[in-house]
C-alpha cells in the first residue's frame, strides 16, 4: 500500500500526533468587535436574553473562539476555502484591536476576495437551485455566470429572485447566433419545467422552498397531515407557471441525428377574459380547478391586458409585505453560518414550526428589508455577532443547547469547501500542480464521487461528509489527497521542505511543522504537538526518510476531523 511506511518505526508517535489533531485549541483573548452596527447589537442582545430566559438555569455561553478558529470558519463560510498559511499567520499574530472588523470588510468588499465571494456563492446557489449534476440540456455554467455577476455587483436579493422567477430567453450564448437574447437565469426554471401533463410541478416546489422557506411539495397529492398546508396552496402557486414552456433548439448532423443546441424559456400568450386554472385530483378522485392563488389567499381568476403570471408571482414573493420572503433568506443564511436556522429546518417556515428566537428572526428580517435586501450587509451582521464568534467547546450549562446559539455548532465541509481547501492547503494553483481547467474537472469528479458515496436513502444529494467508512476511504486514498501530499518536484511539500532547509538550516524541522499546521488547520501546533512531530521527524531521519515524515504529518492533518469540520 502507498502508505505502508506510515506504520513502520515511529508509529506510536504518529498516532499521538494524529490524536492531538482531534482536540480543538483553547480559546484566545477576545478580538475586536463591531459594536457600532445596530443589527449586531440587536443580535447580541436578543441572543443573550434567550440565554438568561430561565433565571434558575441560565445558559452560560462558550468562551470566544481562538483567532485561528475564527479566520478558518470565516473563510470557509464566506469564501468556501480555508485561509492560506500566510493569511492565517498574519491574522493570528496581528495585534490590531480591530482586526476582526477589518478582516470581514476586506473579504466582503476588497479584491481578490470579492471575486472569490461571488464565485463561491454562485456555486452554492446553483447547486441548490438545479443540483450538482443537472441534465445535459440545462446549462449550469450559464446559471453560475449569471449568479456570479449578480453577487459580484452585490445586487439585492429582491432583484435576484425576481429575475430568476421571471426569466425568459436562451439558455446558453449559442442562442445569440439566432438572434435570441441569452439569459443564464432561465436555467433555474429550465431545470424544473415539465410538459403540460406534469404541469411544472418541480418549479412550484423549488420556488416556494428556496424563496419563501415553505415546503409545499408534500401537498401536491393531499393536504398536509400535520400543518395547515393544503393541496389548494400547492396548485394555487403552480397555476402561476401554467403558461411557462421551454422550446428546445436543435440541429441535425450528417447522420440525421438531432443535436441539442440550446433551449428557450418563454410564456405562452394570454388573451383577455381567458379563464385561468389548472386541474388537480383530490385523493377521492374528484378533479378540482385551481386558479393562480397566493399563499395569503388572494386569487387571479381571469386574464387581463398585459397580464404576466410569473411576474405577478415574483412581485408578490419579493413584496415587502410578504411575511415569508425576508425571513426565509435571513433564516437560511443564519443556518449557513451558525449550523442551524432560527427556524429548523431552514425551509419549513410556518405556524406549525415556530422559531427558537422569534424576536431575533423578526428583527433580522426587518433590518434586512430596510437595508435594501443587501446580502453582504446581512453576512456582515451575522459573522460579527457574538454567537458566531463563540468557541465550539461546550460549558456544563450549554452542552445540550442546540437552539439558542450559546456555542458554535460543528459543521461538516461541503464538497466544494473540501476541494477548495485541499487546493489552498497544498498551494495547487500557486505551484502549477493544477490548472483552473483541470481543477474544474477534478472538482466535478469529486462531486460525482461524493453524490454516489455520500447520497442518502431518499435519493437526494448529500451536503456534507458524515464519517462513514466508505467516505473515509474515499478521502484517505483518493487522488486529491495523494496529489496534495506529493513529494514530487515542484509540489507544495517539495518546495516547502527545500526552501526551509536552505533558509533555516538545523531549525528547519520545527519551521516546516509550523507551516504544515498553518496550511492545513490555520493554527500553530501546540507545544505537545510540535514536540511529538519533531520526534517523528527524528525517527524517520535516522532511516534516511525525513521527507516522508513531513509527508505523513501533512497526510494526517488533511485526514483529521479538525480539517474536515468547520469549528
Protein backbone atom coordinates (compact mmCIF):
# COMPACT_ATOMS: atom_id res chain seq x y z
CA UNK A 1 0.00 0.00 0.00
CA UNK A 2 1.06 3.56 -0.70
CA UNK A 3 1.10 4.47 2.96
CA UNK A 4 2.74 1.28 4.23
CA UNK A 5 5.71 3.28 5.56
CA UNK A 6 3.24 5.12 7.80
CA UNK A 7 3.18 2.14 10.12
CA UNK A 8 6.91 1.40 10.14
CA UNK A 9 9.07 2.80 13.01
CA UNK A 10 7.65 5.72 14.98
CA UNK A 11 4.02 4.67 14.53
CA UNK A 12 3.26 5.33 18.19
CA UNK A 13 4.48 8.89 17.87
CA UNK A 14 2.47 9.45 14.71
CA UNK A 15 -0.68 8.12 16.34
CA UNK A 16 -0.18 10.56 19.19
CA UNK A 17 0.23 13.36 16.68
CA UNK A 18 -2.98 12.31 14.91
CA UNK A 19 -4.84 12.04 18.18
CA UNK A 20 -3.83 15.57 19.05
CA UNK A 21 -5.44 16.84 15.86
CA UNK A 22 -8.90 15.86 17.05
CA UNK A 23 -8.67 18.22 20.04
CA UNK A 24 -9.55 21.82 19.37
CA UNK A 25 -7.40 24.56 20.83
CA UNK A 26 -8.25 26.50 23.98
CA UNK A 27 -9.76 29.93 23.32
CA UNK A 28 -7.60 33.01 22.99
CA UNK A 29 -8.20 36.60 24.08
CA UNK A 30 -11.25 38.33 22.59
CA UNK A 31 -10.76 40.05 19.25
CA UNK A 32 -12.22 43.39 18.23
CA UNK A 33 -15.99 43.53 17.59
CA UNK A 34 -18.13 45.89 15.57
CA UNK A 35 -20.32 47.32 18.34
CA UNK A 36 -21.31 50.27 16.19
CA UNK A 37 -23.58 48.27 13.86
CA UNK A 38 -27.16 48.41 15.18
CA UNK A 39 -28.01 44.96 13.78
CA UNK A 40 -25.02 43.39 15.53
CA UNK A 41 -26.10 44.97 18.80
CA UNK A 42 -29.65 43.70 18.27
CA UNK A 43 -28.42 40.18 17.56
CA UNK A 44 -26.24 40.08 20.65
CA UNK A 45 -28.92 41.48 22.95
CA UNK A 46 -31.68 39.20 21.71
CA UNK A 47 -29.47 36.12 21.86
CA UNK A 48 -28.30 36.95 25.40
CA UNK A 49 -31.91 37.40 26.50
CA UNK A 50 -32.61 33.81 25.48
CA UNK A 51 -29.58 32.59 27.44
CA UNK A 52 -30.94 34.19 30.61
CA UNK A 53 -34.61 33.44 29.97
CA UNK A 54 -34.67 30.89 32.79
CA UNK A 55 -33.19 32.73 35.81
CA UNK A 56 -32.89 29.49 37.77
CA UNK A 57 -30.92 27.75 35.00
CA UNK A 58 -29.25 30.41 32.85
CA UNK A 59 -27.19 29.25 29.89
CA UNK A 60 -23.53 30.21 30.12
CA UNK A 61 -22.12 30.62 26.61
CA UNK A 62 -18.91 29.03 25.43
CA UNK A 63 -15.75 31.12 25.52
CA UNK A 64 -14.73 33.10 22.47
CA UNK A 65 -13.18 31.23 19.56
CA UNK A 66 -9.44 31.49 19.01
CA UNK A 67 -8.15 33.69 16.23
CA UNK A 68 -7.28 30.59 14.21
CA UNK A 69 -10.75 29.13 14.64
CA UNK A 70 -12.42 32.40 13.68
CA UNK A 71 -10.46 33.11 10.49
CA UNK A 72 -10.82 29.50 9.38
CA UNK A 73 -14.61 29.35 9.81
CA UNK A 74 -14.99 32.82 8.29
CA UNK A 75 -13.06 31.91 5.15
CA UNK A 76 -14.91 28.62 4.77
CA UNK A 77 -18.34 30.18 5.27
CA UNK A 78 -17.81 33.29 3.14
CA UNK A 79 -15.26 32.19 0.51
CA UNK A 80 -15.62 28.42 0.54
CA UNK A 81 -12.00 27.69 1.45
CA UNK A 82 -9.62 27.75 4.38
CA UNK A 83 -7.15 30.65 4.62
CA UNK A 84 -3.64 30.22 3.30
CA UNK A 85 -0.83 29.76 5.80
CA UNK A 86 0.17 33.38 5.21
CA UNK A 87 -3.36 34.70 5.73
CA UNK A 88 -3.77 32.68 8.92
CA UNK A 89 -0.37 33.73 10.30
CA UNK A 90 -0.98 37.42 9.60
CA UNK A 91 -4.33 37.37 11.39
CA UNK A 92 -3.21 35.28 14.37
CA UNK A 93 -0.10 37.36 15.02
CA UNK A 94 -1.75 40.76 14.43
CA UNK A 95 -2.12 42.99 17.49
CA UNK A 96 -4.69 45.28 15.83
CA UNK A 97 -7.74 45.51 18.17
CA UNK A 98 -9.99 45.97 15.11
CA UNK A 99 -8.57 43.10 13.10
CA UNK A 100 -11.82 41.12 13.10
CA UNK A 101 -13.85 44.01 11.65
CA UNK A 102 -11.13 44.81 9.14
CA UNK A 103 -10.86 41.18 8.01
CA UNK A 104 -14.62 40.86 7.50
CA UNK A 105 -14.76 44.07 5.49
CA UNK A 106 -11.76 43.03 3.42
CA UNK A 107 -13.08 39.63 2.35
CA UNK A 108 -16.53 41.04 1.58
CA UNK A 109 -15.57 44.18 -0.31
CA UNK A 110 -11.94 44.08 -1.50
CA UNK A 111 -10.23 42.17 -4.29
CA UNK A 112 -9.32 39.42 -4.81
CA UNK A 113 -11.69 38.26 -2.07
CA UNK A 114 -14.76 39.93 -3.58
CA UNK A 115 -14.34 37.83 -6.73
CA UNK A 116 -13.88 34.68 -4.66
CA UNK A 117 -17.03 35.56 -2.72
CA UNK A 118 -19.05 35.90 -5.93
CA UNK A 119 -17.74 32.62 -7.36
CA UNK A 120 -18.36 30.65 -4.19
CA UNK A 121 -21.92 31.87 -3.65
CA UNK A 122 -22.72 31.34 -7.34
CA UNK A 123 -21.74 27.70 -6.83
CA UNK A 124 -23.68 27.41 -3.59
CA UNK A 125 -26.88 28.73 -5.12
CA UNK A 126 -26.59 26.93 -8.45
CA UNK A 127 -26.12 23.66 -6.56
CA UNK A 128 -29.26 24.38 -4.54
CA UNK A 129 -31.38 25.62 -7.44
CA UNK A 130 -30.56 22.99 -10.07
CA UNK A 131 -28.36 20.39 -8.33
CA UNK A 132 -24.69 19.48 -8.72
CA UNK A 133 -25.20 17.43 -11.86
CA UNK A 134 -28.24 18.72 -13.76
CA UNK A 135 -29.46 17.30 -17.05
CA UNK A 136 -27.22 17.97 -20.04
CA UNK A 137 -29.76 20.28 -21.63
CA UNK A 138 -29.55 22.62 -18.62
CA UNK A 139 -26.53 24.92 -18.60
CA UNK A 140 -25.14 25.05 -15.08
CA UNK A 141 -22.22 27.15 -16.34
CA UNK A 142 -24.59 29.81 -17.71
CA UNK A 143 -26.58 29.97 -14.47
CA UNK A 144 -23.38 30.20 -12.41
CA UNK A 145 -22.11 33.01 -14.63
CA UNK A 146 -25.37 34.92 -14.15
CA UNK A 147 -25.28 34.39 -10.38
CA UNK A 148 -21.59 35.28 -10.19
CA UNK A 149 -22.23 38.60 -11.93
CA UNK A 150 -25.17 39.28 -9.60
CA UNK A 151 -23.14 38.57 -6.44
CA UNK A 152 -20.09 40.45 -7.77
CA UNK A 153 -22.18 43.61 -8.24
CA UNK A 154 -23.97 42.95 -4.92
CA UNK A 155 -27.41 43.05 -6.48
CA UNK A 156 -30.17 42.95 -3.91
CA UNK A 157 -31.70 39.60 -3.06
CA UNK A 158 -35.05 41.02 -4.13
CA UNK A 159 -33.76 41.73 -7.64
CA UNK A 160 -32.03 38.35 -7.94
CA UNK A 161 -35.14 36.38 -7.01
CA UNK A 162 -37.43 38.49 -9.18
CA UNK A 163 -35.23 37.91 -12.23
CA UNK A 164 -34.89 34.17 -11.58
CA UNK A 165 -38.68 33.71 -11.44
CA UNK A 166 -39.47 35.89 -14.47
CA UNK A 167 -36.51 34.98 -16.71
CA UNK A 168 -37.05 34.40 -20.43
CA UNK A 169 -34.63 33.85 -23.30
CA UNK A 170 -31.97 31.42 -24.45
CA UNK A 171 -30.21 29.09 -22.04
CA UNK A 172 -26.68 29.45 -23.47
CA UNK A 173 -24.77 32.06 -25.53
CA UNK A 174 -25.44 29.81 -28.55
CA UNK A 175 -28.88 31.44 -28.78
CA UNK A 176 -27.29 34.75 -29.79
CA UNK A 177 -26.37 33.23 -33.18
CA UNK A 178 -30.09 33.01 -33.90
CA UNK A 179 -30.91 36.46 -32.56
CA UNK A 180 -32.44 35.07 -29.35
CA UNK A 181 -31.42 37.04 -26.20
CA UNK A 182 -29.19 34.97 -23.94
CA UNK A 183 -30.20 34.87 -20.28
CA UNK A 184 -28.35 32.49 -17.94
CA UNK A 185 -31.06 32.94 -15.30
CA UNK A 186 -33.53 30.86 -17.35
CA UNK A 187 -31.63 27.71 -16.42
CA UNK A 188 -33.15 27.73 -12.92
CA UNK A 189 -36.71 27.15 -14.10
CA UNK A 190 -35.47 25.35 -17.22
CA UNK A 191 -34.22 22.59 -14.92
CA UNK A 192 -37.68 22.19 -13.38
CA UNK A 193 -40.07 22.87 -16.22
CA UNK A 194 -42.29 19.98 -17.30
CA UNK A 195 -44.71 19.29 -20.13
CA UNK A 196 -48.40 20.10 -19.93
CA UNK A 197 -49.05 16.74 -18.33
CA UNK A 198 -46.60 17.23 -15.45
CA UNK A 199 -47.67 20.89 -15.09
CA UNK A 200 -44.28 22.29 -13.96
CA UNK A 201 -44.61 20.63 -10.58
CA UNK A 202 -40.85 20.83 -9.72
CA UNK A 203 -40.79 24.57 -10.48
CA UNK A 204 -43.52 25.08 -7.89
CA UNK A 205 -41.68 23.18 -5.17
CA UNK A 206 -38.28 24.78 -5.74
CA UNK A 207 -39.67 28.32 -5.92
CA UNK A 208 -41.55 28.14 -2.63
CA UNK A 209 -38.83 26.20 -0.84
CA UNK A 210 -35.87 28.45 -1.67
CA UNK A 211 -37.51 31.85 -1.92
CA UNK A 212 -40.26 31.56 0.72
CA UNK A 213 -38.85 28.91 3.04
CA UNK A 214 -42.11 26.99 2.64
CA UNK A 215 -42.37 23.32 1.76
CA UNK A 216 -45.49 22.75 -0.32
CA UNK A 217 -44.28 19.68 -2.24
CA UNK A 218 -45.92 17.37 0.32
CA UNK A 219 -49.32 18.84 -0.54
CA UNK A 220 -49.18 18.10 -4.24
CA UNK A 221 -51.26 14.94 -3.74
CA UNK A 222 -53.04 15.57 -0.43
CA UNK A 223 -53.49 18.10 2.37
CA UNK A 224 -50.64 18.08 4.86
CA UNK A 225 -51.47 15.87 7.86
CA UNK A 226 -49.51 17.91 10.42
CA UNK A 227 -49.96 21.56 9.43
CA UNK A 228 -52.46 23.79 7.65
CA UNK A 229 -50.90 23.48 4.17
CA UNK A 230 -53.38 22.15 1.61
CA UNK A 231 -53.45 20.94 -1.97
CA UNK A 232 -55.01 24.28 -2.85
CA UNK A 233 -51.81 26.01 -1.67
CA UNK A 234 -49.63 23.91 -3.95
CA UNK A 235 -51.78 24.10 -7.04
CA UNK A 236 -52.56 27.77 -6.48
CA UNK A 237 -48.85 28.57 -6.79
CA UNK A 238 -48.44 26.04 -9.60
CA UNK A 239 -51.08 27.87 -11.62
CA UNK A 240 -48.73 30.85 -11.98
CA UNK A 241 -46.44 28.62 -14.06
CA UNK A 242 -49.18 27.26 -16.32
CA UNK A 243 -48.13 29.39 -19.31
CA UNK A 244 -44.40 28.73 -18.94
CA UNK A 245 -42.80 26.43 -21.50
CA UNK A 246 -39.42 25.51 -22.89
CA UNK A 247 -38.59 25.09 -26.56
CA UNK A 248 -35.52 23.05 -27.49
CA UNK A 249 -33.49 24.26 -30.47
CA UNK A 250 -31.62 21.50 -32.29
CA UNK A 251 -29.52 20.85 -35.36
CA UNK A 252 -29.26 17.73 -37.50
CA UNK A 253 -25.82 16.18 -38.03
CA UNK A 254 -24.59 14.29 -41.09
CA UNK A 255 -26.13 11.06 -39.83
CA UNK A 256 -29.56 12.60 -39.39
CA UNK A 257 -29.31 12.63 -35.60
CA UNK A 258 -30.68 15.64 -33.77
CA UNK A 259 -28.10 17.59 -31.71
CA UNK A 260 -29.29 19.82 -28.87
CA UNK A 261 -28.01 23.42 -29.15
CA UNK A 262 -29.90 25.43 -26.54
CA UNK A 263 -33.36 25.88 -25.08
CA UNK A 264 -35.68 28.88 -24.91
CA UNK A 265 -37.82 29.61 -21.86
CA UNK A 266 -40.92 31.64 -22.63
CA UNK A 267 -44.59 32.11 -21.71
CA UNK A 268 -47.49 31.24 -23.98
CA UNK A 269 -49.60 34.34 -24.67
CA UNK A 270 -52.75 35.11 -22.70
CA UNK A 271 -55.95 36.54 -24.12
CA UNK A 272 -58.27 38.97 -22.37
CA UNK A 273 -61.02 37.33 -20.37
CA UNK A 274 -59.48 33.87 -20.77
CA UNK A 275 -60.11 31.68 -17.70
CA UNK A 276 -57.03 30.70 -15.75
CA UNK A 277 -56.82 27.37 -14.00
CA UNK A 278 -55.01 24.05 -13.69
CA UNK A 279 -56.76 20.82 -12.80
CA UNK A 280 -55.63 18.61 -9.95
CA UNK A 281 -57.05 15.45 -8.46
CA UNK A 282 -58.12 15.00 -4.86
CA UNK A 283 -57.48 11.69 -3.12
CA UNK A 284 -61.15 10.79 -3.57
CA UNK A 285 -60.76 11.13 -7.34
CA UNK A 286 -62.56 14.48 -7.61
CA UNK A 287 -60.97 16.86 -10.14
CA UNK A 288 -60.57 20.44 -8.89
CA UNK A 289 -59.80 23.59 -10.87
CA UNK A 290 -57.14 25.79 -9.21
CA UNK A 291 -56.71 29.41 -10.26
CA UNK A 292 -53.49 31.34 -9.56
CA UNK A 293 -53.59 31.86 -5.81
CA UNK A 294 -51.06 33.43 -3.47
CA UNK A 295 -50.40 31.84 -0.09
CA UNK A 296 -52.27 34.73 1.54
CA UNK A 297 -55.45 33.59 -0.22
CA UNK A 298 -55.71 36.25 -2.94
CA UNK A 299 -56.57 34.90 -6.40
CA UNK A 300 -56.35 35.87 -10.07
CA UNK A 301 -59.39 34.44 -11.81
CA UNK A 302 -59.28 35.93 -15.31
CA UNK A 303 -56.63 37.22 -17.65
CA UNK A 304 -56.37 40.88 -18.50
CA UNK A 305 -54.40 43.03 -20.89
CA UNK A 306 -50.66 42.66 -20.28
CA UNK A 307 -51.05 40.05 -17.54
CA UNK A 308 -47.88 38.01 -16.95
CA UNK A 309 -48.46 35.31 -14.37
CA UNK A 310 -44.82 34.75 -13.46
CA UNK A 311 -44.31 38.46 -12.94
CA UNK A 312 -47.38 38.58 -10.72
CA UNK A 313 -45.92 35.75 -8.64
CA UNK A 314 -42.47 37.35 -8.50
CA UNK A 315 -43.89 40.70 -7.40
CA UNK A 316 -45.85 39.04 -4.58
CA UNK A 317 -42.91 36.86 -3.47
CA UNK A 318 -40.50 39.82 -3.29
CA UNK A 319 -43.03 42.23 -1.80
CA UNK A 320 -42.05 43.97 1.43
CA UNK A 321 -45.41 42.85 2.82
CA UNK A 322 -44.73 39.17 2.15
CA UNK A 323 -44.40 37.54 5.58
CA UNK A 324 -42.10 34.80 4.24
CA UNK A 325 -39.64 36.39 1.79
CA UNK A 326 -37.21 38.26 4.06
CA UNK A 327 -37.42 35.76 6.96
CA UNK A 328 -36.73 32.88 4.54
CA UNK A 329 -33.37 34.17 3.30
CA UNK A 330 -32.37 35.56 6.71
CA UNK A 331 -33.09 32.19 8.31
CA UNK A 332 -31.26 30.29 5.55
CA UNK A 333 -28.18 32.49 5.83
CA UNK A 334 -28.21 32.21 9.63
CA UNK A 335 -28.32 28.44 9.23
CA UNK A 336 -25.42 28.52 6.77
CA UNK A 337 -23.21 30.41 9.19
CA UNK A 338 -24.39 29.08 12.56
CA UNK A 339 -25.09 25.47 11.59
CA UNK A 340 -28.80 25.66 12.37
CA UNK A 341 -31.58 28.04 11.41
CA UNK A 342 -33.59 30.11 13.86
CA UNK A 343 -36.33 28.01 12.30
CA UNK A 344 -35.21 24.44 11.70
CA UNK A 345 -35.28 23.04 9.05
CA UNK A 346 -34.48 26.28 7.25
CA UNK A 347 -37.08 25.70 4.53
CA UNK A 348 -40.06 24.89 6.77
CA UNK A 349 -41.38 28.23 7.99
CA UNK A 350 -44.91 28.41 9.33
CA UNK A 351 -47.06 28.44 12.45
CA UNK A 352 -46.50 24.70 12.87
CA UNK A 353 -42.73 25.23 13.27
CA UNK A 354 -42.07 28.31 15.43
CA UNK A 355 -38.63 29.94 15.56
CA UNK A 356 -36.42 29.36 18.59
CA UNK A 357 -35.97 33.12 18.88
CA UNK A 358 -38.92 34.91 17.19
CA UNK A 359 -37.68 38.42 18.04
CA UNK A 360 -34.29 37.69 16.51
CA UNK A 361 -35.77 36.40 13.26
CA UNK A 362 -38.19 39.33 13.03
CA UNK A 363 -35.55 41.97 13.74
CA UNK A 364 -33.06 40.50 11.28
CA UNK A 365 -35.73 40.35 8.58
CA UNK A 366 -36.78 43.95 9.26
CA UNK A 367 -33.20 45.24 9.17
CA UNK A 368 -32.53 43.24 6.00
CA UNK A 369 -35.52 44.86 4.27
CA UNK A 370 -34.61 48.33 5.49
CA UNK A 371 -31.08 47.87 4.14
CA UNK A 372 -32.32 47.10 0.64
CA UNK A 373 -32.10 43.29 0.88
CA UNK A 374 -28.30 43.60 0.91
CA UNK A 375 -26.80 40.11 1.29
CA UNK A 376 -23.29 41.32 2.10
CA UNK A 377 -24.58 43.51 4.90
CA UNK A 378 -26.60 40.59 6.27
CA UNK A 379 -23.48 38.40 6.21
CA UNK A 380 -21.50 41.15 7.94
CA UNK A 381 -24.02 41.35 10.79
CA UNK A 382 -24.03 37.60 11.31
CA UNK A 383 -20.26 37.00 11.26
CA UNK A 384 -19.57 39.94 13.59
CA UNK A 385 -22.22 38.80 16.06
CA UNK A 386 -21.39 37.25 19.42
CA UNK A 387 -22.81 33.75 18.69
CA UNK A 388 -20.76 33.40 15.50
CA UNK A 389 -17.61 34.29 17.40
CA UNK A 390 -18.03 31.65 20.12
CA UNK A 391 -15.99 28.50 20.52
CA UNK A 392 -17.49 25.12 19.69
CA UNK A 393 -16.36 23.88 23.10
CA UNK A 394 -19.25 23.34 25.47
CA UNK A 395 -19.81 24.53 29.02
CA UNK A 396 -21.70 22.44 31.63
CA UNK A 397 -24.77 24.62 31.07
CA UNK A 398 -24.83 24.68 27.26
CA UNK A 399 -23.81 21.19 26.21
CA UNK A 400 -27.45 20.35 25.49
CA UNK A 401 -28.26 23.68 23.82
CA UNK A 402 -28.79 23.30 20.08
CA UNK A 403 -31.32 26.10 19.53
CA UNK A 404 -30.16 29.24 21.38
CA UNK A 405 -26.68 29.54 19.82
CA UNK A 406 -24.71 29.65 23.06
CA UNK A 407 -21.90 27.77 21.30
CA UNK A 408 -20.74 27.37 17.74
CA UNK A 409 -22.25 24.21 16.28
CA UNK A 410 -19.77 21.97 14.45
CA UNK A 411 -20.42 21.72 10.73
CA UNK A 412 -19.02 19.45 8.06
CA UNK A 413 -17.49 20.72 4.86
CA UNK A 414 -19.38 20.61 1.60
CA UNK A 415 -17.64 19.02 -1.42
CA UNK A 416 -16.74 22.47 -2.74
CA UNK A 417 -15.29 23.58 0.57
CA UNK A 418 -13.29 20.37 0.88
CA UNK A 419 -11.90 20.61 -2.65
CA UNK A 420 -11.10 24.32 -2.41
CA UNK A 421 -9.43 23.81 0.97
CA UNK A 422 -7.24 20.98 -0.33
CA UNK A 423 -6.18 23.17 -3.23
CA UNK A 424 -5.41 26.00 -0.80
CA UNK A 425 -3.54 23.87 1.74
CA UNK A 426 -1.33 22.32 -0.95
CA UNK A 427 -0.95 25.60 -2.91
CA UNK A 428 -2.04 23.67 -6.00
CA UNK A 429 -2.67 26.78 -8.11
CA UNK A 430 0.45 28.58 -6.92
CA UNK A 431 2.75 25.64 -7.68
CA UNK A 432 1.11 24.97 -11.02
CA UNK A 433 0.21 21.43 -9.96
CA UNK A 434 -3.40 22.11 -11.01
CA UNK A 435 -4.62 24.46 -13.73
CA UNK A 436 -8.05 26.10 -13.40
CA UNK A 437 -9.37 23.85 -16.18
CA UNK A 438 -8.06 20.67 -14.52
CA UNK A 439 -9.31 21.91 -11.15
CA UNK A 440 -12.81 22.18 -12.59
CA UNK A 441 -12.66 18.59 -13.88
CA UNK A 442 -11.28 17.31 -10.57
CA UNK A 443 -13.97 19.13 -8.62
CA UNK A 444 -16.70 17.68 -10.82
CA UNK A 445 -15.20 14.22 -10.35
CA UNK A 446 -15.21 14.70 -6.57
CA UNK A 447 -18.82 15.86 -6.68
CA UNK A 448 -19.82 12.77 -8.65
CA UNK A 449 -17.98 10.53 -6.19
CA UNK A 450 -19.48 12.46 -3.31
CA UNK A 451 -23.02 12.05 -4.62
CA UNK A 452 -22.50 8.33 -5.26
CA UNK A 453 -20.83 7.53 -1.93
CA UNK A 454 -22.50 10.10 0.29
CA UNK A 455 -26.08 10.12 -1.02
CA UNK A 456 -28.99 9.28 1.25
CA UNK A 457 -31.87 6.86 1.07
CA UNK A 458 -34.23 9.49 -0.32
CA UNK A 459 -32.15 9.73 -3.50
CA UNK A 460 -31.28 13.36 -2.79
CA UNK A 461 -27.85 14.88 -2.90
CA UNK A 462 -25.90 14.86 0.33
CA UNK A 463 -24.39 18.14 1.50
CA UNK A 464 -21.73 17.08 3.99
CA UNK A 465 -19.34 14.34 4.97
CA UNK A 466 -20.94 12.02 7.52
CA UNK A 467 -17.90 9.99 8.54
CA UNK A 468 -18.80 6.52 7.24
CA UNK A 469 -16.08 4.01 6.35
CA UNK A 470 -16.56 4.34 2.54
CA UNK A 471 -16.36 8.11 2.86
CA UNK A 472 -13.22 7.91 5.00
CA UNK A 473 -11.55 5.59 2.48
CA UNK A 474 -12.51 7.91 -0.38
CA UNK A 475 -10.82 10.78 1.41
CA UNK A 476 -7.72 8.96 2.71
CA UNK A 477 -6.87 7.11 -0.50
CA UNK A 478 -8.34 9.47 -3.08
CA UNK A 479 -6.37 11.09 -5.87
CA UNK A 480 -6.79 14.57 -4.39
CA UNK A 481 -5.13 13.63 -1.09
CA UNK A 482 -2.32 11.81 -2.90
CA UNK A 483 -1.72 14.85 -5.06
CA UNK A 484 -1.84 17.26 -2.11
CA UNK A 485 0.79 15.24 -0.19
CA UNK A 486 3.08 14.54 -3.12
CA UNK A 487 6.84 14.93 -2.72
CA UNK A 488 7.39 15.27 -6.47
CA UNK A 489 9.45 18.12 -7.88
CA UNK A 490 7.52 21.39 -7.81
CA UNK A 491 4.92 20.15 -5.31
CA UNK A 492 3.97 22.13 -2.22
CA UNK A 493 5.81 19.79 0.16
CA UNK A 494 8.91 19.65 -2.02
CA UNK A 495 9.15 23.42 -2.27
CA UNK A 496 8.39 23.95 1.42
CA UNK A 497 10.96 21.41 2.63
CA UNK A 498 13.72 22.57 0.28
CA UNK A 499 13.21 26.30 0.87
CA UNK A 500 13.07 25.95 4.67
CA UNK A 501 16.21 23.82 4.76
CA UNK A 502 18.08 26.46 2.80
CA UNK A 503 16.71 29.30 4.91
CA UNK A 504 16.68 27.85 8.43
CA UNK A 505 19.23 25.05 8.45
CA UNK A 506 19.07 22.96 11.61
CA UNK A 507 15.90 24.72 12.84
CA UNK A 508 14.07 23.84 9.62
CA UNK A 509 12.06 20.87 11.02
CA UNK A 510 10.22 23.00 13.59
CA UNK A 511 9.54 25.70 10.98
CA UNK A 512 8.24 23.15 8.47
CA UNK A 513 5.92 21.64 11.07
CA UNK A 514 4.56 25.09 11.94
CA UNK A 515 3.89 25.73 8.26
CA UNK A 516 2.08 22.42 7.79
CA UNK A 517 -0.24 23.18 10.71
CA UNK A 518 -0.93 26.68 9.43
CA UNK A 519 -1.60 25.36 5.91
CA UNK A 520 -3.99 22.61 6.98
CA UNK A 521 -5.53 23.78 10.26
CA UNK A 522 -5.00 27.58 10.25
CA UNK A 523 -3.16 27.49 13.58
CA UNK A 524 0.24 26.81 15.06
CA UNK A 525 0.78 23.42 16.66
CA UNK A 526 0.60 23.23 20.43
CA UNK A 527 3.85 22.67 22.30
CA UNK A 528 2.99 19.00 22.73
CA UNK A 529 2.06 18.54 19.07
CA UNK A 530 5.28 20.19 17.94
CA UNK A 531 7.37 18.01 20.23
CA UNK A 532 5.69 14.81 19.06
CA UNK A 533 6.05 15.78 15.42
CA UNK A 534 9.75 16.59 15.89
CA UNK A 535 10.28 13.16 17.48
CA UNK A 536 8.63 11.57 14.45
CA UNK A 537 10.86 13.55 12.07
CA UNK A 538 13.95 12.44 14.01
CA UNK A 539 12.82 8.80 13.86
CA UNK A 540 12.37 8.94 10.10
CA UNK A 541 15.62 10.89 9.66
CA UNK A 542 17.61 8.07 11.26
CA UNK A 543 16.34 5.83 8.45
CA UNK A 544 17.19 8.46 5.85
CA UNK A 545 13.48 9.19 5.20
CA UNK A 546 12.98 12.58 6.82
CA UNK A 547 10.89 13.91 3.93
CA UNK A 548 8.41 11.04 4.34
CA UNK A 549 7.86 12.17 7.92
CA UNK A 550 6.63 15.57 6.71
CA UNK A 551 4.51 13.82 4.10
CA UNK A 552 2.90 11.62 6.74
CA UNK A 553 2.28 14.52 9.11
CA UNK A 554 0.61 16.53 6.34
CA UNK A 555 -1.43 13.49 5.28
CA UNK A 556 -2.58 13.02 8.89
CA UNK A 557 -3.52 16.69 9.19
CA UNK A 558 -5.57 16.63 5.98
CA UNK A 559 -7.39 13.48 7.11
CA UNK A 560 -8.12 14.70 10.62
CA UNK A 561 -11.52 15.70 11.95
CA UNK A 562 -10.11 19.14 12.59
CA UNK A 563 -9.55 19.61 8.86
CA UNK A 564 -12.90 18.19 7.71
CA UNK A 565 -15.00 20.05 10.29
CA UNK A 566 -15.88 23.74 10.40
CA UNK A 567 -15.45 24.52 14.08
